[in-house]
Amino acid sequence: VSGLYAPSLDKYCANAYLPPSYTRAGTELGISLRG
């Protein structure tokens, strides 16, 4: 729902709505960038 470069962390980050079981910190997921 939001994605950008976070300068204070020097990382590309995103916000997303997910099932609660996938929202624990440290959970590894994937993001499809145009396939």
PDB file of all heavy atoms in Angstrom:
ATOM      1  N   VAL A   1       0.826  -1.209   0.000  1.00  0.00           N
ATOM      2  CA  VAL A   1       0.000   0.000   0.000  1.00  0.00           C
ATOM      3  C   VAL A   1       0.864   1.264   0.000  1.00  0.00           C
ATOM      4  O   VAL A   1       0.403   2.336  -0.404  1.00  0.00           O
ATOM      5  CB  VAL A   1      -0.979   0.015   1.189  1.00  0.00           C
ATOM      6  CG1 VAL A   1      -2.002  -1.101   1.041  1.00  0.00           C
ATOM      7  CG2 VAL A   1      -0.255  -0.090   2.528  1.00  0.00           C
ATOM      8  N   SER A   2       2.102   1.153   0.477  1.00  0.00           N
ATOM      9  CA  SER A   2       3.096   2.232   0.385  1.00  0.00           C
ATOM     10  C   SER A   2       4.458   1.599   0.230  1.00  0.00           C
ATOM     11  O   SER A   2       4.773   0.631   0.934  1.00  0.00           O
ATOM     12  CB  SER A   2       3.116   3.113   1.645  1.00  0.00           C
ATOM     13  OG  SER A   2       2.022   3.980   1.715  1.00  0.00           O
ATOM     14  N   GLY A   3       5.268   2.142  -0.674  1.00  0.00           N
ATOM     15  CA  GLY A   3       6.618   1.632  -0.849  1.00  0.00           C
ATOM     16  C   GLY A   3       7.545   2.749  -1.251  1.00  0.00           C
ATOM     17  O   GLY A   3       7.198   3.574  -2.106  1.00  0.00           O
ATOM     18  N   LEU A   4       8.735   2.788  -0.628  1.00  0.00           N
ATOM     19  CA  LEU A   4       9.659   3.884  -0.909  1.00  0.00           C
ATOM     20  C   LEU A   4      11.041   3.589  -0.337  1.00  0.00           C
ATOM     21  O   LEU A   4      11.263   2.584   0.341  1.00  0.00           O
ATOM     22  CB  LEU A   4       9.114   5.200  -0.319  1.00  0.00           C
ATOM     23  CG  LEU A   4       8.563   5.215   1.101  1.00  0.00           C
ATOM     24  CD1 LEU A   4       9.625   5.029   2.176  1.00  0.00           C
ATOM     25  CD2 LEU A   4       7.829   6.533   1.361  1.00  0.00           C
ATOM     26  N   TYR A   5      11.957   4.502  -0.621  1.00  0.00           N
ATOM     27  CA  TYR A   5      13.286   4.469  -0.024  1.00  0.00           C
ATOM     28  C   TYR A   5      13.220   5.206   1.304  1.00  0.00           C
ATOM     29  O   TYR A   5      12.751   6.349   1.365  1.00  0.00           O
ATOM     30  CB  TYR A   5      14.302   5.124  -0.953  1.00  0.00           C
ATOM     31  CG  TYR A   5      15.683   5.282  -0.359  1.00  0.00           C
ATOM     32  CD1 TYR A   5      16.462   4.163  -0.060  1.00  0.00           C
ATOM     33  CD2 TYR A   5      16.199   6.545  -0.086  1.00  0.00           C
ATOM     34  CE1 TYR A   5      17.731   4.303   0.481  1.00  0.00           C
ATOM     35  CE2 TYR A   5      17.470   6.694   0.447  1.00  0.00           C
ATOM     36  CZ  TYR A   5      18.228   5.573   0.738  1.00  0.00           C
ATOM     37  OH  TYR A   5      19.487   5.720   1.283  1.00  0.00           O
ATOM     38  N   ALA A   6      13.684   4.553   2.374  1.00  0.00           N
ATOM     39  CA  ALA A   6      13.697   5.155   3.707  1.00  0.00           C
ATOM     40  C   ALA A   6      15.115   5.647   3.994  1.00  0.00           C
ATOM     41  O   ALA A   6      15.979   4.853   4.369  1.00  0.00           O
ATOM     42  CB  ALA A   6      13.254   4.135   4.750  1.00  0.00           C
ATOM     43  N   PRO A   7      15.370   6.953   3.831  1.00  0.00           N
ATOM     44  CA  PRO A   7      16.739   7.461   3.953  1.00  0.00           C
ATOM     45  C   PRO A   7      17.385   7.227   5.306  1.00  0.00           C
ATOM     46  O   PRO A   7      18.594   6.994   5.383  1.00  0.00           O
ATOM     47  CB  PRO A   7      16.568   8.963   3.672  1.00  0.00           C
ATOM     48  CG  PRO A   7      15.349   9.059   2.824  1.00  0.00           C
ATOM     49  CD  PRO A   7      14.439   8.006   3.353  1.00  0.00           C
ATOM     50  N   SER A   8      16.612   7.280   6.393  1.00  0.00           N
ATOM     51  CA  SER A   8      17.201   7.110   7.726  1.00  0.00           C
ATOM     52  C   SER A   8      17.713   5.703   7.951  1.00  0.00           C
ATOM     53  O   SER A   8      18.570   5.474   8.810  1.00  0.00           O
ATOM     54  CB  SER A   8      16.180   7.474   8.809  1.00  0.00           C
ATOM     55  OG  SER A   8      15.694   8.790   8.638  1.00  0.00           O
ATOM     56  N   LEU A   9      17.194   4.754   7.191  1.00  0.00           N
ATOM     57  CA  LEU A   9      17.615   3.359   7.326  1.00  0.00           C
ATOM     58  C   LEU A   9      18.458   2.884   6.154  1.00  0.00           C
ATOM     59  O   LEU A   9      19.036   1.811   6.204  1.00  0.00           O
ATOM     60  CB  LEU A   9      16.386   2.443   7.442  1.00  0.00           C
ATOM     61  CG  LEU A   9      15.572   2.525   8.723  1.00  0.00           C
ATOM     62  CD1 LEU A   9      14.590   3.688   8.688  1.00  0.00           C
ATOM     63  CD2 LEU A   9      14.812   1.235   8.960  1.00  0.00           C
ATOM     64  N   ASP A  10      18.470   3.702   5.082  1.00  0.00           N
ATOM     65  CA  ASP A  10      19.146   3.326   3.838  1.00  0.00           C
ATOM     66  C   ASP A  10      18.622   1.977   3.336  1.00  0.00           C
ATOM     67  O   ASP A  10      19.370   1.082   2.966  1.00  0.00           O
ATOM     68  CB  ASP A  10      20.666   3.265   4.031  1.00  0.00           C
ATOM     69  CG  ASP A  10      21.425   3.155   2.703  1.00  0.00           C
ATOM     70  OD1 ASP A  10      20.864   3.594   1.668  1.00  0.00           O
ATOM     71  OD2 ASP A  10      22.561   2.635   2.693  1.00  0.00           O
ATOM     72  N   LYS A  11      17.283   1.855   3.330  1.00  0.00           N
ATOM     73  CA  LYS A  11      16.630   0.640   2.863  1.00  0.00           C
ATOM     74  C   LYS A  11      15.410   0.999   2.030  1.00  0.00           C
ATOM     75  O   LYS A  11      14.811   2.070   2.212  1.00  0.00           O
ATOM     76  CB  LYS A  11      16.140  -0.227   4.041  1.00  0.00           C
ATOM     77  CG  LYS A  11      17.201  -0.847   4.913  1.00  0.00           C
ATOM     78  CD  LYS A  11      16.525  -1.671   6.013  1.00  0.00           C
ATOM     79  CE  LYS A  11      17.531  -2.346   6.922  1.00  0.00           C
ATOM     80  NZ  LYS A  11      16.858  -3.134   7.993  1.00  0.00           N
ATOM     81  N   TYR A  12      15.032   0.085   1.140  1.00  0.00           N
ATOM     82  CA  TYR A  12      13.747   0.192   0.468  1.00  0.00           C
ATOM     83  C   TYR A  12      12.735  -0.601   1.291  1.00  0.00           C
ATOM     84  O   TYR A  12      12.973  -1.768   1.630  1.00  0.00           O
ATOM     85  CB  TYR A  12      13.818  -0.335  -0.959  1.00  0.00           C
ATOM     86  CG  TYR A  12      14.468   0.647  -1.900  1.00  0.00           C
ATOM     87  CD1 TYR A  12      15.839   0.574  -2.179  1.00  0.00           C
ATOM     88  CD2 TYR A  12      13.731   1.666  -2.493  1.00  0.00           C
ATOM     89  CE1 TYR A  12      16.442   1.497  -3.033  1.00  0.00           C
ATOM     90  CE2 TYR A  12      14.324   2.586  -3.340  1.00  0.00           C
ATOM     91  CZ  TYR A  12      15.676   2.497  -3.598  1.00  0.00           C
ATOM     92  OH  TYR A  12      16.268   3.409  -4.435  1.00  0.00           O
ATOM     93  N   CYS A  13      11.624   0.052   1.633  1.00  0.00           N
ATOM     94  CA  CYS A  13      10.662  -0.532   2.558  1.00  0.00           C
ATOM     95  C   CYS A  13       9.249  -0.424   2.001  1.00  0.00           C
ATOM     96  O   CYS A  13       8.984   0.343   1.067  1.00  0.00           O
ATOM     97  CB  CYS A  13      10.731   0.176   3.916  1.00  0.00           C
ATOM     98  SG  CYS A  13      12.354   0.085   4.713  1.00  0.00           S
ATOM     99  N   ALA A  14       8.353  -1.185   2.592  1.00  0.00           N
ATOM    100  CA  ALA A  14       6.962  -1.204   2.140  1.00  0.00           C
ATOM    101  C   ALA A  14       6.032  -1.469   3.301  1.00  0.00           C
ATOM    102  O   ALA A  14       6.410  -2.136   4.275  1.00  0.00           O
ATOM    103  CB  ALA A  14       6.767  -2.276   1.068  1.00  0.00           C
ATOM    104  N   ASN A  15       4.817  -0.955   3.195  1.00  0.00           N
ATOM    105  CA  ASN A  15       3.722  -1.324   4.078  1.00  0.00           C
ATOM    106  C   ASN A  15       2.742  -2.174   3.291  1.00  0.00           C
ATOM    107  O   ASN A  15       2.488  -1.909   2.100  1.00  0.00           O
ATOM    108  CB  ASN A  15       3.007  -0.096   4.627  1.00  0.00           C
ATOM    109  CG  ASN A  15       3.787   0.586   5.730  1.00  0.00           C
ATOM    110  OD1 ASN A  15       4.629  -0.033   6.388  1.00  0.00           O
ATOM    111  ND2 ASN A  15       3.507   1.860   5.960  1.00  0.00           N
ATOM    112  N   ALA A  16       2.162  -3.171   3.949  1.00  0.00           N
ATOM    113  CA  ALA A  16       1.194  -4.048   3.295  1.00  0.00           C
ATOM    114  C   ALA A  16       0.240  -4.611   4.335  1.00  0.00           C
ATOM    115  O   ALA A  16       0.591  -4.730   5.517  1.00  0.00           O
ATOM    116  CB  ALA A  16       1.908  -5.188   2.577  1.00  0.00           C
ATOM    117  N   TYR A  17      -0.970  -4.925   3.903  1.00  0.00           N
ATOM    118  CA  TYR A  17      -1.930  -5.613   4.759  1.00  0.00           C
ATOM    119  C   TYR A  17      -1.794  -7.113   4.520  1.00  0.00           C
ATOM    120  O   TYR A  17      -1.940  -7.590   3.389  1.00  0.00           O
ATOM    121  CB  TYR A  17      -3.354  -5.138   4.486  1.00  0.00           C
ATOM    122  CG  TYR A  17      -3.650  -3.844   5.195  1.00  0.00           C
ATOM    123  CD1 TYR A  17      -3.457  -2.624   4.554  1.00  0.00           C
ATOM    124  CD2 TYR A  17      -4.066  -3.837   6.527  1.00  0.00           C
ATOM    125  CE1 TYR A  17      -3.697  -1.425   5.220  1.00  0.00           C
ATOM    126  CE2 TYR A  17      -4.308  -2.659   7.195  1.00  0.00           C
ATOM    127  CZ  TYR A  17      -4.116  -1.451   6.540  1.00  0.00           C
ATOM    128  OH  TYR A  17      -4.339  -0.274   7.205  1.00  0.00           O
ATOM    129  N   LEU A  18      -1.517  -7.852   5.614  1.00  0.00           N
ATOM    130  CA  LEU A  18      -1.224  -9.283   5.515  1.00  0.00           C
ATOM    131  C   LEU A  18      -2.019 -10.063   6.555  1.00  0.00           C
ATOM    132  O   LEU A  18      -2.422  -9.486   7.589  1.00  0.00           O
ATOM    133  CB  LEU A  18       0.270  -9.532   5.768  1.00  0.00           C
ATOM    134  CG  LEU A  18       1.270  -8.758   4.905  1.00  0.00           C
ATOM    135  CD1 LEU A  18       2.686  -9.039   5.393  1.00  0.00           C
ATOM    136  CD2 LEU A  18       1.115  -9.126   3.439  1.00  0.00           C
ATOM    137  N   PRO A  19      -2.238 -11.360   6.344  1.00  0.00           N
ATOM    138  CA  PRO A  19      -2.817 -12.182   7.403  1.00  0.00           C
ATOM    139  C   PRO A  19      -1.939 -12.098   8.649  1.00  0.00           C
ATOM    140  O   PRO A  19      -0.706 -12.074   8.544  1.00  0.00           O
ATOM    141  CB  PRO A  19      -2.797 -13.594   6.794  1.00  0.00           C
ATOM    142  CG  PRO A  19      -2.812 -13.362   5.314  1.00  0.00           C
ATOM    143  CD  PRO A  19      -2.011 -12.119   5.103  1.00  0.00           C
ATOM    144  N   PRO A  20      -2.535 -11.994   9.843  1.00  0.00           N
ATOM    145  CA  PRO A  20      -1.746 -11.807  11.067  1.00  0.00           C
ATOM    146  C   PRO A  20      -0.623 -12.819  11.256  1.00  0.00           C
ATOM    147  O   PRO A  20       0.418 -12.485  11.843  1.00  0.00           O
ATOM    148  CB  PRO A  20      -2.805 -11.925  12.173  1.00  0.00           C
ATOM    149  CG  PRO A  20      -4.065 -11.459  11.524  1.00  0.00           C
ATOM    150  CD  PRO A  20      -3.993 -11.960  10.112  1.00  0.00           C
ATOM    151  N   SER A  21      -0.788 -14.028  10.764  1.00  0.00           N
ATOM    152  CA  SER A  21       0.235 -15.055  10.960  1.00  0.00           C
ATOM    153  C   SER A  21       1.539 -14.745  10.231  1.00  0.00           C
ATOM    154  O   SER A  21       2.579 -15.351  10.523  1.00  0.00           O
ATOM    155  CB  SER A  21      -0.287 -16.421  10.490  1.00  0.00           C
ATOM    156  OG  SER A  21      -0.644 -16.380   9.111  1.00  0.00           O
ATOM    157  N   TYR A  22       1.504 -13.789   9.295  1.00  0.00           N
ATOM    158  CA  TYR A  22       2.705 -13.430   8.541  1.00  0.00           C
ATOM    159  C   TYR A  22       3.315 -12.100   9.008  1.00  0.00           C
ATOM    160  O   TYR A  22       4.249 -11.603   8.369  1.00  0.00           O
ATOM    161  CB  TYR A  22       2.384 -13.319   7.052  1.00  0.00           C
ATOM    162  CG  TYR A  22       2.052 -14.627   6.389  1.00  0.00           C
ATOM    163  CD1 TYR A  22       0.724 -14.977   6.112  1.00  0.00           C
ATOM    164  CD2 TYR A  22       3.052 -15.536   6.030  1.00  0.00           C
ATOM    165  CE1 TYR A  22       0.408 -16.175   5.499  1.00  0.00           C
ATOM    166  CE2 TYR A  22       2.745 -16.737   5.412  1.00  0.00           C
ATOM    167  CZ  TYR A  22       1.421 -17.049   5.160  1.00  0.00           C
ATOM    168  OH  TYR A  22       1.106 -18.241   4.540  1.00  0.00           O
ATOM    169  N   THR A  23       2.799 -11.506  10.081  1.00  0.00           N
ATOM    170  CA  THR A  23       3.224 -10.155  10.459  1.00  0.00           C
ATOM    171  C   THR A  23       4.235 -10.131  11.599  1.00  0.00           C
ATOM    172  O   THR A  23       4.614  -9.054  12.057  1.00  0.00           O
ATOM    173  CB  THR A  23       2.009  -9.296  10.848  1.00  0.00           C
ATOM    174  OG1 THR A  23       1.324  -9.903  11.952  1.00  0.00           O
ATOM    175  CG2 THR A  23       1.051  -9.156   9.671  1.00  0.00           C
ATOM    176  N   ARG A  24       4.699 -11.255  12.039  1.00  0.00           N
ATOM    177  CA  ARG A  24       5.703 -11.297  13.109  1.00  0.00           C
ATOM    178  C   ARG A  24       7.045 -10.793  12.583  1.00  0.00           C
ATOM    179  O   ARG A  24       7.485 -11.178  11.496  1.00  0.00           O
ATOM    180  CB  ARG A  24       5.853 -12.723  13.637  1.00  0.00           C
ATOM    181  CG  ARG A  24       6.782 -12.859  14.841  1.00  0.00           C
ATOM    182  CD  ARG A  24       6.928 -14.320  15.226  1.00  0.00           C
ATOM    183  NE  ARG A  24       7.773 -14.482  16.392  1.00  0.00           N
ATOM    184  CZ  ARG A  24       7.339 -14.506  17.651  1.00  0.00           C
ATOM    185  NH1 ARG A  24       6.048 -14.363  17.881  1.00  0.00           N
ATOM    186  NH2 ARG A  24       8.170 -14.649  18.658  1.00  0.00           N
ATOM    187  N   ALA A  25       7.698  -9.919  13.346  1.00  0.00           N
ATOM    188  CA  ALA A  25       8.999  -9.379  12.938  1.00  0.00           C
ATOM    189  C   ALA A  25       9.994 -10.508  12.701  1.00  0.00           C
ATOM    190  O   ALA A  25      10.071 -11.464  13.477  1.00  0.00           O
ATOM    191  CB  ALA A  25       9.531  -8.428  14.004  1.00  0.00           C
ATOM    192  N   GLY A  26      10.719 -10.412  11.602  1.00  0.00           N
ATOM    193  CA  GLY A  26      11.692 -11.433  11.233  1.00  0.00           C
ATOM    194  C   GLY A  26      11.178 -12.442  10.221  1.00  0.00           C
ATOM    195  O   GLY A  26      11.968 -13.231   9.670  1.00  0.00           O
ATOM    196  N   THR A  27       9.866 -12.430   9.952  1.00  0.00           N
ATOM    197  CA  THR A  27       9.290 -13.353   8.972  1.00  0.00           C
ATOM    198  C   THR A  27       9.760 -12.982   7.570  1.00  0.00           C
ATOM    199  O   THR A  27       9.643 -11.839   7.146  1.00  0.00           O
ATOM    200  CB  THR A  27       7.753 -13.304   9.011  1.00  0.00           C
ATOM    201  OG1 THR A  27       7.307 -13.639  10.328  1.00  0.00           O
ATOM    202  CG2 THR A  27       7.141 -14.275   8.010  1.00  0.00           C
ATOM    203  N   GLU A  28      10.312 -13.953   6.847  1.00  0.00           N
ATOM    204  CA  GLU A  28      10.778 -13.694   5.487  1.00  0.00           C
ATOM    205  C   GLU A  28       9.671 -13.995   4.485  1.00  0.00           C
ATOM    206  O   GLU A  28       9.043 -15.055   4.530  1.00  0.00           O
ATOM    207  CB  GLU A  28      12.034 -14.512   5.170  1.00  0.00           C
ATOM    208  CG  GLU A  28      13.280 -14.019   5.890  1.00  0.00           C
ATOM    209  CD  GLU A  28      14.568 -14.417   5.182  1.00  0.00           C
ATOM    210  OE1 GLU A  28      14.523 -14.751   3.973  1.00  0.00           O
ATOM    211  OE2 GLU A  28      15.620 -14.384   5.849  1.00  0.00           O
ATOM    212  N   LEU A  29       9.421 -13.031   3.602  1.00  0.00           N
ATOM    213  CA  LEU A  29       8.397 -13.149   2.575  1.00  0.00           C
ATOM    214  C   LEU A  29       8.997 -12.732   1.244  1.00  0.00           C
ATOM    215  O   LEU A  29      10.202 -12.496   1.144  1.00  0.00           O
ATOM    216  CB  LEU A  29       7.194 -12.258   2.934  1.00  0.00           C
ATOM    217  CG  LEU A  29       6.514 -12.545   4.275  1.00  0.00           C
ATOM    218  CD1 LEU A  29       5.499 -11.456   4.600  1.00  0.00           C
ATOM    219  CD2 LEU A  29       5.840 -13.914   4.254  1.00  0.00           C
ATOM    220  N   GLY A  30       8.167 -12.630   0.231  1.00  0.00           N
ATOM    221  CA  GLY A  30       8.616 -12.158  -1.072  1.00  0.00           C
ATOM    222  C   GLY A  30       7.733 -11.025  -1.561  1.00  0.00           C
ATOM    223  O   GLY A  30       6.566 -10.929  -1.177  1.00  0.00           O
ATOM    224  N   ILE A  31       8.285 -10.140  -2.365  1.00  0.00           N
ATOM    225  CA  ILE A  31       7.508  -9.094  -3.038  1.00  0.00           C
ATOM    226  C   ILE A  31       7.782  -9.219  -4.526  1.00  0.00           C
ATOM    227  O   ILE A  31       8.953  -9.247  -4.954  1.00  0.00           O
ATOM    228  CB  ILE A  31       7.873  -7.685  -2.548  1.00  0.00           C
ATOM    229  CG1 ILE A  31       7.593  -7.550  -1.045  1.00  0.00           C
ATOM    230  CG2 ILE A  31       7.083  -6.632  -3.316  1.00  0.00           C
ATOM    231  CD1 ILE A  31       7.921  -6.185  -0.467  1.00  0.00           C
ATOM    232  N   SER A  32       6.717  -9.315  -5.300  1.00  0.00           N
ATOM    233  CA  SER A  32       6.856  -9.479  -6.746  1.00  0.00           C
ATOM    234  C   SER A  32       6.980  -8.113  -7.403  1.00  0.00           C
ATOM    235  O   SER A  32       6.032  -7.327  -7.421  1.00  0.00           O
ATOM    236  CB  SER A  32       5.654 -10.230  -7.307  1.00  0.00           C
ATOM    237  OG  SER A  32       5.755 -10.347  -8.716  1.00  0.00           O
ATOM    238  N   LEU A  33       8.159  -7.830  -7.933  1.00  0.00           N
ATOM    239  CA  LEU A  33       8.407  -6.577  -8.638  1.00  0.00           C
ATOM    240  C   LEU A  33       8.289  -6.849 -10.131  1.00  0.00           C
ATOM    241  O   LEU A  33       9.238  -7.275 -10.793  1.00  0.00           O
ATOM    242  CB  LEU A  33       9.802  -6.031  -8.307  1.00  0.00           C
ATOM    243  CG  LEU A  33       9.928  -5.222  -7.010  1.00  0.00           C
ATOM    244  CD1 LEU A  33       9.608  -6.082  -5.798  1.00  0.00           C
ATOM    245  CD2 LEU A  33      11.326  -4.645  -6.875  1.00  0.00           C
ATOM    246  N   ARG A  34       7.061  -6.655 -10.626  1.00  0.00           N
ATOM    247  CA  ARG A  34       6.774  -6.905 -12.046  1.00  0.00           C
ATOM    248  C   ARG A  34       7.217  -8.307 -12.470  1.00  0.00           C
ATOM    249  O   ARG A  34       7.848  -8.500 -13.509  1.00  0.00           O
ATOM    250  CB  ARG A  34       7.435  -5.849 -12.914  1.00  0.00           C
ATOM    251  CG  ARG A  34       6.893  -4.443 -12.676  1.00  0.00           C
ATOM    252  CD  ARG A  34       7.554  -3.437 -13.584  1.00  0.00           C
ATOM    253  NE  ARG A  34       7.004  -2.095 -13.382  1.00  0.00           N
ATOM    254  CZ  ARG A  34       7.446  -1.005 -14.010  1.00  0.00           C
ATOM    255  NH1 ARG A  34       8.438  -1.120 -14.883  1.00  0.00           N
ATOM    256  NH2 ARG A  34       6.905   0.163 -13.769  1.00  0.00           N
ATOM    257  N   GLY A  35       6.893  -9.291 -11.620  1.00  0.00           N
ATOM    258  CA  GLY A  35       7.185 -10.676 -11.947  1.00  0.00           C
ATOM    259  C   GLY A  35       8.493 -11.198 -11.389  1.00  0.00           C
ATOM    260  O   GLY A  35       8.713 -12.420 -11.362  1.00  0.00           O
TER     261      GLY A  35
END
